[in-house]
Amino acid sequence: MKLPMRFRILHLISEKENMGVDEVMEALRPEYGGERQWKRGVIYDHLRALKAVGMIETTDVSLDEKGNLVEKFKITDYGKSRLRYLPEGWSN
């Protein structure tokens, strides 16, 4: 059973701090890479939505070699409390 992508992103960030959109995409490609929503912009929108409601927070902001903004995230205590809604017996 697959989790909704946004919730799976939250779960992933709970396991690994300082993840940006590229790291999230690489980690979740085997599970979600074939879906129509599998686009960098959509993943970043999920991250911004999780940040907007306080489930993750920014840990680092920098520019990559092309001058693009790179934002890294970690889960908050509030986000950790939402993980209790994982389906019983679910594992990735």
C-alpha atoms as a PDB file:
ATOM      1  CA  MET A   1       0.000   0.000   0.000  1.00  0.00           C
ATOM      2  CA  LYS A   2       1.344   3.413  -0.988  1.00  0.00           C
ATOM      3  CA  LEU A   3       0.915   6.420   1.257  1.00  0.00           C
ATOM      4  CA  PRO A   4      -0.269   9.723  -0.180  1.00  0.00           C
ATOM      5  CA  MET A   5       2.891  11.385  -1.472  1.00  0.00           C
ATOM      6  CA  ARG A   6       2.806  14.339   0.910  1.00  0.00           C
ATOM      7  CA  PHE A   7       2.537  12.088   3.937  1.00  0.00           C
ATOM      8  CA  ARG A   8       5.315   9.853   2.585  1.00  0.00           C
ATOM      9  CA  ILE A   9       7.552  12.919   2.189  1.00  0.00           C
ATOM     10  CA  LEU A  10       6.888  13.792   5.834  1.00  0.00           C
ATOM     11  CA  HIS A  11       7.779  10.235   6.850  1.00  0.00           C
ATOM     12  CA  LEU A  12      10.992  10.332   4.789  1.00  0.00           C
ATOM     13  CA  ILE A  13      12.077  13.630   6.343  1.00  0.00           C
ATOM     14  CA  SER A  14      11.442  12.148   9.784  1.00  0.00           C
ATOM     15  CA  GLU A  15      14.106   9.549   8.986  1.00  0.00           C
ATOM     16  CA  LYS A  16      16.704  11.838   7.383  1.00  0.00           C
ATOM     17  CA  GLU A  17      17.258  15.473   8.345  1.00  0.00           C
ATOM     18  CA  ASN A  18      18.520  18.160   5.993  1.00  0.00           C
ATOM     19  CA  MET A  19      16.748  16.924   2.903  1.00  0.00           C
ATOM     20  CA  GLY A  20      16.054  19.125  -0.070  1.00  0.00           C
ATOM     21  CA  VAL A  21      13.802  18.523  -3.043  1.00  0.00           C
ATOM     22  CA  ASP A  22      16.505  16.669  -4.993  1.00  0.00           C
ATOM     23  CA  GLU A  23      17.239  14.279  -2.104  1.00  0.00           C
ATOM     24  CA  VAL A  24      13.527  13.644  -1.597  1.00  0.00           C
ATOM     25  CA  MET A  25      13.070  12.899  -5.286  1.00  0.00           C
ATOM     26  CA  GLU A  26      16.014  10.507  -5.381  1.00  0.00           C
ATOM     27  CA  ALA A  27      14.856   8.632  -2.275  1.00  0.00           C
ATOM     28  CA  LEU A  28      11.232   8.293  -3.395  1.00  0.00           C
ATOM     29  CA  ARG A  29      11.825   7.637  -7.112  1.00  0.00           C
ATOM     30  CA  PRO A  30      11.393   3.841  -6.728  1.00  0.00           C
ATOM     31  CA  GLU A  31       7.974   4.320  -5.092  1.00  0.00           C
ATOM     32  CA  TYR A  32       6.499   7.294  -6.971  1.00  0.00           C
ATOM     33  CA  GLY A  33       8.717   7.871 -10.030  1.00  0.00           C
ATOM     34  CA  GLY A  34       6.117   6.549 -12.452  1.00  0.00           C
ATOM     35  CA  GLU A  35       3.294   8.811 -11.304  1.00  0.00           C
ATOM     36  CA  ARG A  36       2.112  11.816 -13.290  1.00  0.00           C
ATOM     37  CA  GLN A  37       2.672  14.067 -10.270  1.00  0.00           C
ATOM     38  CA  TRP A  38       6.370  13.094 -10.190  1.00  0.00           C
ATOM     39  CA  LYS A  39       7.791  16.515 -11.019  1.00  0.00           C
ATOM     40  CA  ARG A  40      10.298  18.646  -9.169  1.00  0.00           C
ATOM     41  CA  GLY A  41       7.846  21.542  -8.866  1.00  0.00           C
ATOM     42  CA  VAL A  42       5.132  19.327  -7.387  1.00  0.00           C
ATOM     43  CA  ILE A  43       7.527  17.835  -4.825  1.00  0.00           C
ATOM     44  CA  TYR A  44       8.684  21.316  -3.858  1.00  0.00           C
ATOM     45  CA  ASP A  45       5.032  22.396  -3.497  1.00  0.00           C
ATOM     46  CA  HIS A  46       4.484  19.469  -1.105  1.00  0.00           C
ATOM     47  CA  LEU A  47       7.512  20.581   0.928  1.00  0.00           C
ATOM     48  CA  ARG A  48       6.279  24.178   1.067  1.00  0.00           C
ATOM     49  CA  ALA A  49       2.809  23.024   2.146  1.00  0.00           C
ATOM     50  CA  LEU A  50       4.289  20.880   4.929  1.00  0.00           C
ATOM     51  CA  LYS A  51       6.371  23.871   6.009  1.00  0.00           C
ATOM     52  CA  ALA A  52       3.370  26.223   5.906  1.00  0.00           C
ATOM     53  CA  VAL A  53       1.435  24.099   8.410  1.00  0.00           C
ATOM     54  CA  GLY A  54       4.451  23.653  10.693  1.00  0.00           C
ATOM     55  CA  MET A  55       5.251  19.998  10.046  1.00  0.00           C
ATOM     56  CA  ILE A  56       8.746  20.690   8.688  1.00  0.00           C
ATOM     57  CA  GLU A  57      11.121  23.627   8.978  1.00  0.00           C
ATOM     58  CA  THR A  58      14.024  25.003   6.993  1.00  0.00           C
ATOM     59  CA  THR A  59      17.472  23.988   8.204  1.00  0.00           C
ATOM     60  CA  ASP A  60      19.613  25.522   5.464  1.00  0.00           C
ATOM     61  CA  VAL A  61      19.288  27.802   2.452  1.00  0.00           C
ATOM     62  CA  SER A  62      22.024  28.154  -0.157  1.00  0.00           C
ATOM     63  CA  LEU A  63      22.635  28.587  -3.873  1.00  0.00           C
ATOM     64  CA  ASP A  64      23.819  25.748  -6.074  1.00  0.00           C
ATOM     65  CA  GLU A  65      26.466  26.097  -8.786  1.00  0.00           C
ATOM     66  CA  LYS A  66      23.800  27.325 -11.249  1.00  0.00           C
ATOM     67  CA  GLY A  67      22.554  30.004  -8.849  1.00  0.00           C
ATOM     68  CA  ASN A  68      19.340  28.150  -7.956  1.00  0.00           C
ATOM     69  CA  LEU A  69      17.996  28.319  -4.430  1.00  0.00           C
ATOM     70  CA  VAL A  70      18.494  25.101  -2.440  1.00  0.00           C
ATOM     71  CA  GLU A  71      16.415  24.747   0.708  1.00  0.00           C
ATOM     72  CA  LYS A  72      16.872  21.875   3.182  1.00  0.00           C
ATOM     73  CA  PHE A  73      14.264  20.727   5.693  1.00  0.00           C
ATOM     74  CA  LYS A  74      13.797  18.734   8.888  1.00  0.00           C
ATOM     75  CA  ILE A  75      10.676  17.513  10.659  1.00  0.00           C
ATOM     76  CA  THR A  76       9.273  19.445  13.622  1.00  0.00           C
ATOM     77  CA  ASP A  77       7.804  18.022  16.822  1.00  0.00           C
ATOM     78  CA  TYR A  78       4.363  18.776  15.420  1.00  0.00           C
ATOM     79  CA  GLY A  79       5.222  16.845  12.247  1.00  0.00           C
ATOM     80  CA  LYS A  80       6.454  13.907  14.330  1.00  0.00           C
ATOM     81  CA  SER A  81       3.142  13.893  16.195  1.00  0.00           C
ATOM     82  CA  ARG A  82       1.295  13.486  12.870  1.00  0.00           C
ATOM     83  CA  LEU A  83       3.217  10.304  12.072  1.00  0.00           C
ATOM     84  CA  ARG A  84       0.932   8.464  14.477  1.00  0.00           C
ATOM     85  CA  TYR A  85      -1.600   8.472  11.625  1.00  0.00           C
ATOM     86  CA  LEU A  86       0.493   6.020   9.604  1.00  0.00           C
ATOM     87  CA  PRO A  87      -1.641   2.983   8.796  1.00  0.00           C
ATOM     88  CA  GLU A  88      -1.060   0.118  11.206  1.00  0.00           C
ATOM     89  CA  GLY A  89       1.514  -2.272   9.834  1.00  0.00           C
ATOM     90  CA  TRP A  90       2.694   0.131   7.120  1.00  0.00           C
ATOM     91  CA  SER A  91       6.336   0.013   6.178  1.00  0.00           C
ATOM     92  CA  ASN A  92       8.228   1.409   3.227  1.00  0.00           C
END
